[in-house]
Amino acid sequence: MIVQNYVGCDISKQWLDFFDEASGRFRQIANQADAIAAYVAGLDPDRDFVVMEATGVHDRLLRHALAKAGVAFSRHNPAHTHHYAKSTRRRAKTDRLDARMLSDYGRRYQPEAEPAPREQNERLQSLARYRDHLVDMRATLKKHLAEAFDELVIADLEETIADFDTRIKALESRIANLIRQAEDTARDHALMVSVPGVSKITALSLLAHLPELGQRSPKSIAALAGLAPFDNKSGKLNRRSQIQGGRSRVRRALYMAALSAIRTCDRFRKFYTDLAARSGSKKLAIIAVARKLLVVLNAIIRDKTAFA
């Protein structure tokens, strides 16, 4: 039986620092495609497992090179790995020490390998994030417009907002075309919008930011979205359970979808009114509807069956 060798990798914009558990050696390479390809070529797909922190776009070249070479890897929340480092009583922090810590983290928890990255899904994520950025900028401009009184400023703001409207609409059209290009993505998008309250934009946000949908248990998918309540009890302390963590963009999309579902669907409206009456909190009830929507969406994507 082959023993797994955990290779820790600390990632920055310019450099990748590796620690190989089997050899005990450190190596630093440039975060560039050719340097990464040369390093990955020396790894053993049957033995080596690369452990890294999730660092946004800076780990993209490495993930694609590892997937192409058939080398397993996993990414982890930096908050979790930092807590692990503190639990080992390590106070010093360097890139080399972080790489070694990630190797130890892999040995300790033996994580599952991530699926290979998909170009189509990554492009969808990129376009969705850019759309969100434009929408946020437009919202800021509208706030300025509401406070403006000078005619020149008002005219310029209105022109700029109209330009943002055009850009956002064009971007949404490109996103829609990208979704239609992949049969499975187009099918999942159609299944999502069959659920009351779930708009095309909500479905886009879930496709882009929650690719695990349909592949996890209800509790696990709720935790990923930050909609799973966690207990807060210790001794005489007995506070109400609260949601925490998760993916904020997914949570915001589901919150807005929950508001729409409450207005348009008797099933979700009754669930909301009953829970709001019992708990005395309308916001808690809306969050519960958002979680229920997510569980329903998870089931229909898993079973490939439209909402009934």
Protein backbone atom coordinates (compact mmCIF):
# COMPACT_ATOMS: atom_id res chain seq x y z
CA MET A 1 0.00 0.00 0.00
CA ILE A 2 1.36 3.42 -1.02
CA VAL A 3 1.70 5.89 1.88
CA GLN A 4 0.34 9.35 1.08
CA ASN A 5 2.97 12.10 0.99
CA TYR A 6 1.54 15.50 1.92
CA VAL A 7 3.22 18.45 0.22
CA GLY A 8 2.40 21.79 1.83
CA CYS A 9 2.31 24.88 -0.39
CA ASP A 10 2.25 28.48 0.81
CA ILE A 11 0.96 30.73 -1.98
CA SER A 12 1.59 34.38 -2.70
CA LYS A 13 1.16 36.47 -5.82
CA GLN A 14 4.79 36.04 -6.89
CA TRP A 15 6.04 32.87 -5.19
CA LEU A 16 5.05 29.33 -4.24
CA ASP A 17 6.82 27.76 -1.25
CA PHE A 18 6.65 23.96 -1.03
CA PHE A 19 7.52 21.60 1.81
CA ASP A 20 7.83 17.93 0.87
CA GLU A 21 7.03 15.73 3.86
CA ALA A 22 8.82 12.65 2.51
CA SER A 23 12.16 14.34 1.81
CA GLY A 24 11.88 17.12 4.41
CA ARG A 25 12.96 19.66 1.77
CA PHE A 26 11.74 23.18 1.04
CA ARG A 27 11.58 24.66 -2.41
CA GLN A 28 10.51 28.08 -3.66
CA ILE A 29 9.44 28.66 -7.28
CA ALA A 30 7.93 31.55 -9.20
CA ASN A 31 4.14 31.60 -9.42
CA GLN A 32 4.33 31.29 -13.21
CA ALA A 33 3.04 28.61 -15.54
CA ASP A 34 6.41 27.30 -16.81
CA ALA A 35 7.99 27.09 -13.33
CA ILE A 36 4.91 25.40 -11.92
CA ALA A 37 4.76 22.87 -14.76
CA ALA A 38 8.41 21.94 -14.19
CA TYR A 39 7.86 21.42 -10.46
CA VAL A 40 4.63 19.44 -10.85
CA ALA A 41 6.32 17.14 -13.38
CA GLY A 42 8.50 15.89 -10.52
CA LEU A 43 5.54 14.91 -8.33
CA ASP A 44 4.17 11.37 -8.11
CA PRO A 45 0.40 11.24 -8.90
CA ASP A 46 0.08 7.96 -6.98
CA ARG A 47 1.72 9.26 -3.81
CA ASP A 48 1.85 13.05 -3.55
CA PHE A 49 -1.03 15.18 -2.25
CA VAL A 50 -0.68 18.98 -2.28
CA VAL A 51 -2.29 20.98 0.55
CA MET A 52 -2.78 24.73 0.16
CA GLU A 53 -4.86 27.61 1.47
CA ALA A 54 -7.62 29.15 -0.62
CA THR A 55 -6.06 32.35 -1.98
CA GLY A 56 -8.46 33.54 -4.66
CA VAL A 57 -6.86 33.76 -8.10
CA HIS A 58 -3.26 33.23 -6.95
CA ASP A 59 -3.64 29.44 -6.74
CA ARG A 60 -5.27 29.08 -10.15
CA LEU A 61 -2.15 28.19 -12.18
CA LEU A 62 -1.09 25.61 -9.61
CA ARG A 63 -4.53 23.95 -9.44
CA HIS A 64 -4.72 23.60 -13.21
CA ALA A 65 -1.19 22.20 -13.44
CA LEU A 66 -1.87 19.67 -10.68
CA ALA A 67 -5.15 18.58 -12.28
CA LYS A 68 -3.46 18.17 -15.67
CA ALA A 69 -0.75 16.00 -14.10
CA GLY A 70 -3.27 13.95 -12.12
CA VAL A 71 -1.85 15.04 -8.74
CA ALA A 72 -4.43 15.29 -5.93
CA PHE A 73 -4.81 18.55 -4.02
CA SER A 74 -7.08 20.34 -1.58
CA ARG A 75 -7.62 23.96 -0.56
CA HIS A 76 -8.51 25.09 2.95
CA ASN A 77 -9.94 28.13 4.71
CA PRO A 78 -6.99 30.19 6.02
CA ALA A 79 -8.86 30.76 9.29
CA HIS A 80 -8.90 27.01 9.92
CA THR A 81 -5.23 26.48 9.10
CA HIS A 82 -4.19 29.50 11.21
CA HIS A 83 -6.07 28.10 14.19
CA TYR A 84 -4.32 24.79 13.60
CA ALA A 85 -0.95 26.57 13.57
CA LYS A 86 -1.77 28.22 16.89
CA SER A 87 -2.78 24.87 18.37
CA THR A 88 0.78 23.64 17.71
CA ARG A 89 2.10 26.59 19.77
CA ARG A 90 3.97 27.97 16.81
CA ARG A 91 4.40 31.74 17.03
CA ALA A 92 6.89 32.41 14.24
CA LYS A 93 5.46 32.93 10.76
CA THR A 94 7.35 32.65 7.49
CA ASP A 95 6.40 31.26 4.10
CA ARG A 96 8.53 28.16 4.70
CA LEU A 97 6.98 27.55 8.10
CA ASP A 98 3.49 27.96 6.63
CA ALA A 99 4.31 25.39 3.94
CA ARG A 100 5.46 22.94 6.60
CA MET A 101 2.37 23.63 8.69
CA LEU A 102 0.13 22.87 5.70
CA SER A 103 1.93 19.57 5.17
CA ASP A 104 1.32 18.71 8.85
CA TYR A 105 -2.30 19.83 8.49
CA GLY A 106 -2.77 17.42 5.60
CA ARG A 107 -1.23 14.55 7.56
CA ARG A 108 -3.41 15.34 10.58
CA TYR A 109 -6.78 15.67 8.81
CA GLN A 110 -6.21 13.68 5.59
CA PRO A 111 -8.58 15.81 3.48
CA GLU A 112 -10.43 14.62 0.42
CA ALA A 113 -9.08 15.66 -2.96
CA GLU A 114 -10.88 18.47 -4.78
CA PRO A 115 -12.34 17.87 -8.24
CA ALA A 116 -10.35 19.17 -11.18
CA PRO A 117 -11.11 22.82 -12.00
CA ARG A 118 -13.43 23.45 -14.95
CA GLU A 119 -12.61 26.28 -17.34
CA GLN A 120 -16.28 26.97 -18.06
CA ASN A 121 -17.18 27.23 -14.39
CA GLU A 122 -14.20 29.46 -13.60
CA ARG A 123 -15.14 31.81 -16.44
CA LEU A 124 -18.70 31.91 -15.13
CA GLN A 125 -17.41 32.80 -11.66
CA SER A 126 -15.24 35.57 -13.10
CA LEU A 127 -18.11 37.12 -15.07
CA ALA A 128 -20.50 36.80 -12.11
CA ARG A 129 -18.05 38.53 -9.77
CA TYR A 130 -17.52 41.33 -12.29
CA ARG A 131 -21.27 41.77 -12.65
CA ASP A 132 -21.64 42.01 -8.88
CA HIS A 133 -18.87 44.63 -8.84
CA LEU A 134 -20.64 46.74 -11.48
CA VAL A 135 -23.95 46.44 -9.62
CA ASP A 136 -22.30 47.62 -6.39
CA MET A 137 -20.72 50.58 -8.18
CA ARG A 138 -24.08 51.49 -9.72
CA ALA A 139 -25.72 51.36 -6.28
CA THR A 140 -23.09 53.77 -4.95
CA LEU A 141 -23.74 56.16 -7.83
CA LYS A 142 -27.48 56.05 -7.14
CA LYS A 143 -26.82 57.04 -3.52
CA HIS A 144 -24.80 60.01 -4.72
CA LEU A 145 -27.60 60.92 -7.12
CA ALA A 146 -30.15 60.92 -4.29
CA GLU A 147 -28.02 63.46 -2.41
CA ALA A 148 -26.99 65.62 -5.38
CA PHE A 149 -28.48 69.08 -5.95
CA ASP A 150 -26.21 70.63 -8.57
CA GLU A 151 -27.67 70.24 -12.06
CA LEU A 152 -24.30 69.44 -13.63
CA VAL A 153 -23.59 66.73 -11.06
CA ILE A 154 -27.08 65.27 -11.45
CA ALA A 155 -26.80 65.16 -15.24
CA ASP A 156 -23.37 63.51 -15.11
CA LEU A 157 -24.51 60.92 -12.54
CA GLU A 158 -27.59 60.06 -14.57
CA GLU A 159 -25.44 59.59 -17.68
CA THR A 160 -22.96 57.41 -15.79
CA ILE A 161 -25.73 55.28 -14.25
CA ALA A 162 -27.30 54.79 -17.69
CA ASP A 163 -23.89 53.64 -18.97
CA PHE A 164 -23.66 51.14 -16.10
CA ASP A 165 -27.16 49.90 -16.93
CA THR A 166 -26.04 49.20 -20.50
CA ARG A 167 -22.82 47.48 -19.42
CA ILE A 168 -24.57 45.29 -16.85
CA LYS A 169 -27.26 44.28 -19.35
CA ALA A 170 -24.62 43.38 -21.96
CA LEU A 171 -22.65 41.39 -19.39
CA GLU A 172 -25.76 39.48 -18.33
CA SER A 173 -26.39 38.62 -21.97
CA ARG A 174 -22.85 37.21 -22.27
CA ILE A 175 -23.35 35.20 -19.08
CA ALA A 176 -26.63 33.79 -20.41
CA ASN A 177 -24.86 32.71 -23.62
CA LEU A 178 -22.10 31.05 -21.59
CA ILE A 179 -24.68 29.12 -19.55
CA ARG A 180 -26.41 27.91 -22.72
CA GLN A 181 -23.12 26.63 -24.18
CA ALA A 182 -22.83 23.82 -21.60
CA GLU A 183 -25.71 21.34 -21.58
CA ASP A 184 -25.41 20.43 -17.88
CA THR A 185 -25.11 24.06 -16.79
CA ALA A 186 -28.11 25.08 -18.90
CA ARG A 187 -30.14 22.19 -17.44
CA ASP A 188 -29.24 23.10 -13.84
CA HIS A 189 -30.07 26.76 -14.48
CA ALA A 190 -33.51 25.79 -15.85
CA LEU A 191 -34.14 23.54 -12.84
CA MET A 192 -33.26 26.34 -10.41
CA VAL A 193 -35.56 28.94 -11.92
CA SER A 194 -38.45 26.44 -11.64
CA VAL A 195 -38.36 27.10 -7.88
CA PRO A 196 -40.60 30.01 -6.74
CA GLY A 197 -38.60 33.11 -5.89
CA VAL A 198 -35.45 31.99 -7.70
CA SER A 199 -34.67 34.45 -10.47
CA LYS A 200 -32.19 34.03 -13.32
CA ILE A 201 -29.68 36.17 -11.40
CA THR A 202 -30.10 34.07 -8.25
CA ALA A 203 -29.56 30.90 -10.29
CA LEU A 204 -26.45 32.47 -11.86
CA SER A 205 -25.05 33.33 -8.41
CA LEU A 206 -25.56 29.76 -7.21
CA LEU A 207 -24.02 28.23 -10.34
CA ALA A 208 -20.99 30.50 -10.04
CA HIS A 209 -20.42 30.56 -6.27
CA LEU A 210 -21.86 27.23 -5.07
CA PRO A 211 -20.73 24.53 -7.54
CA GLU A 212 -21.17 21.93 -4.76
CA LEU A 213 -24.96 22.24 -5.10
CA GLY A 214 -26.54 18.83 -5.58
CA GLN A 215 -23.43 17.03 -4.33
CA ARG A 216 -23.68 17.62 -0.56
CA SER A 217 -26.08 16.71 2.24
CA PRO A 218 -28.68 19.31 3.31
CA LYS A 219 -26.70 20.19 6.46
CA SER A 220 -23.41 20.42 4.60
CA ILE A 221 -24.74 22.65 1.82
CA ALA A 222 -26.43 24.93 4.39
CA ALA A 223 -23.12 25.28 6.23
CA LEU A 224 -21.30 26.18 3.00
CA ALA A 225 -23.80 28.98 2.37
CA GLY A 226 -23.65 30.19 5.97
CA LEU A 227 -27.29 29.30 6.62
CA ALA A 228 -26.73 26.53 9.18
CA PRO A 229 -27.49 27.61 12.77
CA PHE A 230 -24.77 26.84 15.31
CA ASP A 231 -25.44 26.36 19.03
CA ASN A 232 -23.97 28.84 21.52
CA LYS A 233 -24.34 27.19 24.92
CA SER A 234 -21.86 26.80 27.75
CA GLY A 235 -22.60 26.40 31.45
CA LYS A 236 -25.38 28.83 32.32
CA LEU A 237 -24.97 30.58 28.98
CA ASN A 238 -27.82 29.58 26.67
CA ARG A 239 -27.98 31.95 23.73
CA ARG A 240 -30.08 31.49 20.61
CA SER A 241 -28.38 29.52 17.85
CA GLN A 242 -26.97 31.76 15.10
CA ILE A 243 -25.77 31.42 11.54
CA GLN A 244 -22.15 32.29 10.86
CA GLY A 245 -19.44 31.97 8.22
CA GLY A 246 -20.20 30.63 4.77
CA ARG A 247 -20.30 32.36 1.39
CA SER A 248 -21.80 35.80 1.75
CA ARG A 249 -22.69 36.22 -1.94
CA VAL A 250 -24.68 32.98 -1.94
CA ARG A 251 -26.40 33.94 1.31
CA ARG A 252 -27.42 37.37 -0.05
CA ALA A 253 -28.84 35.81 -3.21
CA LEU A 254 -30.87 33.28 -1.23
CA TYR A 255 -32.13 35.96 1.17
CA MET A 256 -33.55 37.98 -1.74
CA ALA A 257 -34.98 34.79 -3.25
CA ALA A 258 -36.65 34.01 0.09
CA LEU A 259 -38.38 37.41 0.13
CA SER A 260 -39.71 36.76 -3.36
CA ALA A 261 -40.78 33.18 -2.50
CA ILE A 262 -42.71 34.41 0.53
CA ARG A 263 -44.64 36.84 -1.68
CA THR A 264 -45.35 34.45 -4.55
CA CYS A 265 -45.68 30.92 -3.14
CA ASP A 266 -48.29 29.74 -0.61
CA ARG A 267 -46.05 26.93 0.62
CA PHE A 268 -43.18 29.25 1.56
CA ARG A 269 -45.55 32.00 2.81
CA LYS A 270 -47.21 29.61 5.27
CA PHE A 271 -43.83 28.31 6.44
CA TYR A 272 -42.69 31.91 7.01
CA THR A 273 -45.81 33.12 8.85
CA ASP A 274 -45.95 30.09 11.14
CA LEU A 275 -42.28 30.35 12.08
CA ALA A 276 -42.42 34.14 12.52
CA ALA A 277 -45.37 33.72 14.91
CA ARG A 278 -43.61 31.01 16.93
CA SER A 279 -40.21 32.69 17.13
CA GLY A 280 -41.31 36.30 17.31
CA SER A 281 -38.66 37.22 14.72
CA LYS A 282 -39.45 37.97 11.08
CA LYS A 283 -35.76 38.04 10.15
CA LEU A 284 -35.20 34.59 11.64
CA ALA A 285 -38.17 33.31 9.63
CA ILE A 286 -36.78 34.79 6.39
CA ILE A 287 -33.42 33.11 7.03
CA ALA A 288 -35.25 29.82 7.62
CA VAL A 289 -37.05 30.22 4.28
CA ALA A 290 -33.70 30.91 2.59
CA ARG A 291 -32.31 27.70 4.06
CA LYS A 292 -35.41 25.76 2.99
CA LEU A 293 -35.00 27.14 -0.54
CA LEU A 294 -31.38 26.00 -0.56
CA VAL A 295 -32.32 22.49 0.58
CA VAL A 296 -34.98 22.31 -2.15
CA LEU A 297 -32.49 23.54 -4.77
CA ASN A 298 -29.92 21.02 -3.59
CA ALA A 299 -32.46 18.21 -3.99
CA ILE A 300 -33.66 19.19 -7.46
CA ILE A 301 -30.10 19.52 -8.78
CA ARG A 302 -29.22 16.15 -7.23
CA ASP A 303 -32.30 14.42 -8.64
CA LYS A 304 -32.47 16.44 -11.90
CA THR A 305 -36.19 17.05 -11.29
CA ALA A 306 -37.97 20.40 -11.56
CA PHE A 307 -39.78 21.92 -8.59
CA ALA A 308 -43.30 20.57 -8.03
